[in-house]
PDB file of N, CA and C in Angstrom:
ATOM      1  N   MET A   1       7.438   4.337 -15.737  1.00  0.00           N
ATOM      2  CA  MET A   1       7.506   5.323 -15.212  1.00  0.00           C
ATOM      3  C   MET A   1       6.327   4.747 -13.872  1.00  0.00           C
ATOM      4  N   ALA A   2       6.418   5.348 -12.432  1.00  0.00           N
ATOM      5  CA  ALA A   2       6.100   5.201 -11.468  1.00  0.00           C
ATOM      6  C   ALA A   2       5.564   6.698 -10.401  1.00  0.00           C
ATOM      7  N   VAL A   3       4.016   7.371 -10.431  1.00  0.00           N
ATOM      8  CA  VAL A   3       3.938   8.110  -9.407  1.00  0.00           C
ATOM      9  C   VAL A   3       3.618   7.518  -8.410  1.00  0.00           C
ATOM     10  N   ILE A   4       3.998   8.017  -7.537  1.00  0.00           N
ATOM     11  CA  ILE A   4       3.480   7.718  -5.629  1.00  0.00           C
ATOM     12  C   ILE A   4       3.802   9.007  -4.825  1.00  0.00           C
ATOM     13  N   SER A   5       2.231   9.181  -3.975  1.00  0.00           N
ATOM     14  CA  SER A   5       2.150  10.855  -3.387  1.00  0.00           C
ATOM     15  C   SER A   5       3.477  11.457  -2.471  1.00  0.00           C
ATOM     16  N   GLY A   6       3.372  12.609  -3.022  1.00  0.00           N
ATOM     17  CA  GLY A   6       4.455  13.281  -1.862  1.00  0.00           C
ATOM     18  C   GLY A   6       4.441  12.806  -0.629  1.00  0.00           C
ATOM     19  N   ALA A   7       2.970  12.466   0.225  1.00  0.00           N
ATOM     20  CA  ALA A   7       2.883  12.064   1.437  1.00  0.00           C
ATOM     21  C   ALA A   7       3.523  10.799   1.945  1.00  0.00           C
ATOM     22  N   ALA A   8       3.793   9.986   1.138  1.00  0.00           N
ATOM     23  CA  ALA A   8       4.383   8.912   1.350  1.00  0.00           C
ATOM     24  C   ALA A   8       5.834   9.054   2.127  1.00  0.00           C
ATOM     25  N   PHE A   9       6.225  10.474   1.649  1.00  0.00           N
ATOM     26  CA  PHE A   9       7.474  11.070   2.302  1.00  0.00           C
ATOM     27  C   PHE A   9       7.593  11.918   3.530  1.00  0.00           C
ATOM     28  N   GLY A  10       6.513  12.230   4.141  1.00  0.00           N
ATOM     29  CA  GLY A  10       6.466  13.093   5.538  1.00  0.00           C
ATOM     30  C   GLY A  10       5.428  13.933   5.266  1.00  0.00           C
ATOM     31  N   PRO A  11       5.042  14.388   5.986  1.00  0.00           N
ATOM     32  CA  PRO A  11       4.262  15.455   6.029  1.00  0.00           C
ATOM     33  C   PRO A  11       4.565  16.958   4.806  1.00  0.00           C
ATOM     34  N   GLY A  12       5.925  17.146   4.436  1.00  0.00           N
ATOM     35  CA  GLY A  12       6.685  18.252   3.884  1.00  0.00           C
ATOM     36  C   GLY A  12       6.446  17.574   2.576  1.00  0.00           C
ATOM     37  N   GLY A  13       6.251  16.116   1.699  1.00  0.00           N
ATOM     38  CA  GLY A  13       5.503  15.446   0.590  1.00  0.00           C
ATOM     39  C   GLY A  13       4.078  15.506   0.530  1.00  0.00           C
ATOM     40  N   GLU A  14       3.303  16.382   1.662  1.00  0.00           N
ATOM     41  CA  GLU A  14       1.822  16.658   0.992  1.00  0.00           C
ATOM     42  C   GLU A  14       1.895  17.672   0.081  1.00  0.00           C
ATOM     43  N   GLY A  15       0.642  17.116  -1.094  1.00  0.00           N
ATOM     44  CA  GLY A  15       0.405  18.191  -2.361  1.00  0.00           C
ATOM     45  C   GLY A  15       1.048  17.646  -3.143  1.00  0.00           C
ATOM     46  N   PHE A  16       2.353  17.196  -3.393  1.00  0.00           N
ATOM     47  CA  PHE A  16       3.248  16.570  -4.171  1.00  0.00           C
ATOM     48  C   PHE A  16       3.211  15.174  -4.744  1.00  0.00           C
ATOM     49  N   ILE A  17       3.908  15.049  -5.765  1.00  0.00           N
ATOM     50  CA  ILE A  17       4.400  13.334  -6.505  1.00  0.00           C
ATOM     51  C   ILE A  17       5.317  13.682  -6.493  1.00  0.00           C
ATOM     52  N   ARG A  18       5.689  12.308  -6.993  1.00  0.00           N
ATOM     53  CA  ARG A  18       6.551  12.182  -6.729  1.00  0.00           C
ATOM     54  C   ARG A  18       7.499  11.125  -8.127  1.00  0.00           C
ATOM     55  N   CYS A  19       8.094  11.549  -9.202  1.00  0.00           N
ATOM     56  CA  CYS A  19       8.011  10.334 -10.192  1.00  0.00           C
ATOM     57  C   CYS A  19       9.543   9.467  -9.665  1.00  0.00           C
ATOM     58  N   CYS A  20       9.564   8.084 -10.033  1.00  0.00           N
ATOM     59  CA  CYS A  20      10.534   7.170 -10.065  1.00  0.00           C
ATOM     60  C   CYS A  20      10.080   6.594 -11.615  1.00  0.00           C
ATOM     61  N   TYR A  21      11.681   6.688 -12.333  1.00  0.00           N
ATOM     62  CA  TYR A  21      12.030   5.859 -13.590  1.00  0.00           C
ATOM     63  C   TYR A  21      13.172   5.666 -13.309  1.00  0.00           C
ATOM     64  N   ALA A  22      13.239   4.292 -14.181  1.00  0.00           N
ATOM     65  CA  ALA A  22      14.540   4.160 -14.635  1.00  0.00           C
ATOM     66  C   ALA A  22      14.383   3.110 -16.113  1.00  0.00           C
ATOM     67  N   THR A  23      14.565   4.273 -17.055  1.00  0.00           N
ATOM     68  CA  THR A  23      14.053   4.585 -18.752  1.00  0.00           C
ATOM     69  C   THR A  23      14.814   5.545 -19.228  1.00  0.00           C
ATOM     70  N   SER A  24      14.993   5.180 -20.348  1.00  0.00           N
ATOM     71  CA  SER A  24      15.397   5.958 -21.154  1.00  0.00           C
ATOM     72  C   SER A  24      14.993   7.673 -21.141  1.00  0.00           C
ATOM     73  N   MET A  25      15.472   9.105 -21.725  1.00  0.00           N
ATOM     74  CA  MET A  25      14.466   9.866 -22.138  1.00  0.00           C
ATOM     75  C   MET A  25      13.640  10.026 -22.711  1.00  0.00           C
ATOM     76  N   LYS A  26      13.632   9.233 -24.278  1.00  0.00           N
ATOM     77  CA  LYS A  26      12.853   8.916 -25.022  1.00  0.00           C
ATOM     78  C   LYS A  26      11.438   8.377 -24.540  1.00  0.00           C
ATOM     79  N   ASP A  27      11.511   7.191 -23.396  1.00  0.00           N
ATOM     80  CA  ASP A  27      10.507   6.632 -22.670  1.00  0.00           C
ATOM     81  C   ASP A  27       9.907   8.219 -21.848  1.00  0.00           C
ATOM     82  N   ILE A  28      10.784   8.695 -21.115  1.00  0.00           N
ATOM     83  CA  ILE A  28      10.064   9.223 -20.030  1.00  0.00           C
ATOM     84  C   ILE A  28       9.343  10.621 -20.834  1.00  0.00           C
ATOM     85  N   ALA A  29       9.818  10.988 -21.755  1.00  0.00           N
ATOM     86  CA  ALA A  29       8.873  11.431 -22.509  1.00  0.00           C
ATOM     87  C   ALA A  29       7.537  11.379 -22.907  1.00  0.00           C
ATOM     88  N   GLU A  30       8.021   9.668 -23.589  1.00  0.00           N
ATOM     89  CA  GLU A  30       6.536   9.842 -23.642  1.00  0.00           C
ATOM     90  C   GLU A  30       5.273   9.370 -23.053  1.00  0.00           C
ATOM     91  N   ALA A  31       6.326   8.612 -21.617  1.00  0.00           N
ATOM     92  CA  ALA A  31       5.265   9.129 -20.271  1.00  0.00           C
ATOM     93  C   ALA A  31       4.653  10.582 -19.924  1.00  0.00           C
ATOM     94  N   LEU A  32       5.042  11.697 -20.178  1.00  0.00           N
ATOM     95  CA  LEU A  32       4.641  12.447 -19.444  1.00  0.00           C
ATOM     96  C   LEU A  32       4.328  13.479 -20.466  1.00  0.00           C
ATOM     97  N   THR A  33       3.929  13.044 -21.737  1.00  0.00           N
ATOM     98  CA  THR A  33       3.243  13.289 -22.435  1.00  0.00           C
ATOM     99  C   THR A  33       1.688  13.034 -22.800  1.00  0.00           C
ATOM    100  N   ARG A  34       2.019  11.015 -22.250  1.00  0.00           N
ATOM    101  CA  ARG A  34       0.735  10.694 -21.901  1.00  0.00           C
ATOM    102  C   ARG A  34      -0.455  11.296 -20.626  1.00  0.00           C
ATOM    103  N   MET A  35       0.571  11.452 -19.396  1.00  0.00           N
ATOM    104  CA  MET A  35       0.011  11.674 -18.567  1.00  0.00           C
ATOM    105  C   MET A  35      -0.849  13.250 -19.192  1.00  0.00           C
ATOM    106  N   ASP A  36       0.252  14.192 -19.589  1.00  0.00           N
ATOM    107  CA  ASP A  36      -0.257  15.398 -19.461  1.00  0.00           C
ATOM    108  C   ASP A  36      -1.671  15.058 -20.618  1.00  0.00           C
ATOM    109  N   ASN A  37      -1.903  14.443 -21.787  1.00  0.00           N
ATOM    110  CA  ASN A  37      -3.543  14.179 -22.501  1.00  0.00           C
ATOM    111  C   ASN A  37      -4.119  13.378 -21.402  1.00  0.00           C
ATOM    112  N   PHE A  38      -4.050  13.204 -20.353  1.00  0.00           N
ATOM    113  CA  PHE A  38      -4.249  12.495 -19.256  1.00  0.00           C
ATOM    114  C   PHE A  38      -5.488  13.522 -18.324  1.00  0.00           C
ATOM    115  N   LEU A  39      -4.744  14.026 -18.264  1.00  0.00           N
ATOM    116  CA  LEU A  39      -4.918  15.307 -16.976  1.00  0.00           C
ATOM    117  C   LEU A  39      -5.708  15.929 -17.842  1.00  0.00           C
ATOM    118  N   THR A  40      -5.547  16.413 -19.190  1.00  0.00           N
ATOM    119  CA  THR A  40      -5.543  17.923 -19.725  1.00  0.00           C
ATOM    120  C   THR A  40      -7.544  16.646 -20.095  1.00  0.00           C
ATOM    121  N   ASN A  41      -7.464  15.486 -20.609  1.00  0.00           N
ATOM    122  CA  ASN A  41      -9.049  14.732 -20.659  1.00  0.00           C
ATOM    123  C   ASN A  41      -9.932  15.365 -19.723  1.00  0.00           C
ATOM    124  N   LEU A  42      -9.168  14.679 -18.467  1.00  0.00           N
ATOM    125  CA  LEU A  42      -9.800  14.653 -17.452  1.00  0.00           C
ATOM    126  C   LEU A  42     -10.735  15.584 -16.861  1.00  0.00           C
ATOM    127  N   GLN A  43      -9.533  17.049 -17.177  1.00  0.00           N
ATOM    128  CA  GLN A  43      -9.949  18.310 -16.527  1.00  0.00           C
ATOM    129  C   GLN A  43     -11.363  18.845 -17.525  1.00  0.00           C
ATOM    130  N   LYS A  44     -10.876  18.336 -19.088  1.00  0.00           N
ATOM    131  CA  LYS A  44     -12.544  18.714 -19.844  1.00  0.00           C
ATOM    132  C   LYS A  44     -13.566  17.973 -18.740  1.00  0.00           C
ATOM    133  N   LYS A  45     -13.258  16.739 -18.914  1.00  0.00           N
ATOM    134  CA  LYS A  45     -14.562  16.432 -17.979  1.00  0.00           C
ATOM    135  C   LYS A  45     -15.241  16.460 -17.229  1.00  0.00           C
ATOM    136  N   LYS A  46     -14.116  17.258 -15.477  1.00  0.00           N
ATOM    137  CA  LYS A  46     -15.077  17.588 -14.499  1.00  0.00           C
ATOM    138  C   LYS A  46     -15.499  19.945 -14.696  1.00  0.00           C
ATOM    139  N   GLU A  47     -15.190  19.789 -16.130  1.00  0.00           N
ATOM    140  CA  GLU A  47     -15.648  21.008 -16.582  1.00  0.00           C
ATOM    141  C   GLU A  47     -17.090  20.789 -17.187  1.00  0.00           C
ATOM    142  N   ARG A  48     -17.359  19.485 -17.519  1.00  0.00           N
ATOM    143  CA  ARG A  48     -18.811  19.043 -18.376  1.00  0.00           C
ATOM    144  C   ARG A  48     -19.553  18.811 -17.686  1.00  0.00           C
ATOM    145  N   ASN A  49     -18.807  18.565 -15.961  1.00  0.00           N
ATOM    146  CA  ASN A  49     -19.869  17.868 -14.964  1.00  0.00           C
ATOM    147  C   ASN A  49     -19.760  16.218 -15.349  1.00  0.00           C
ATOM    148  N   GLU A  50     -18.895  15.672 -16.243  1.00  0.00           N
ATOM    149  CA  GLU A  50     -19.274  14.282 -16.486  1.00  0.00           C
ATOM    150  C   GLU A  50     -18.375  12.946 -15.507  1.00  0.00           C
ATOM    151  N   LEU A  51     -18.056  13.588 -14.325  1.00  0.00           N
ATOM    152  CA  LEU A  51     -17.749  12.706 -13.279  1.00  0.00           C
ATOM    153  C   LEU A  51     -17.809  13.105 -11.933  1.00  0.00           C
TER     154      LEU A  51
END
């Protein structure tokens, strides 16, 4: 799974991301779970001023 800035697709894409994939639904679900975990941990670090 790849995540690309929406800005690469023109001004209407600003503030969005585009997810590109060519795999099974199982692998997509795993990728989304990992992204969720990463973003949750990142937010917690920001709240604790660790970044």
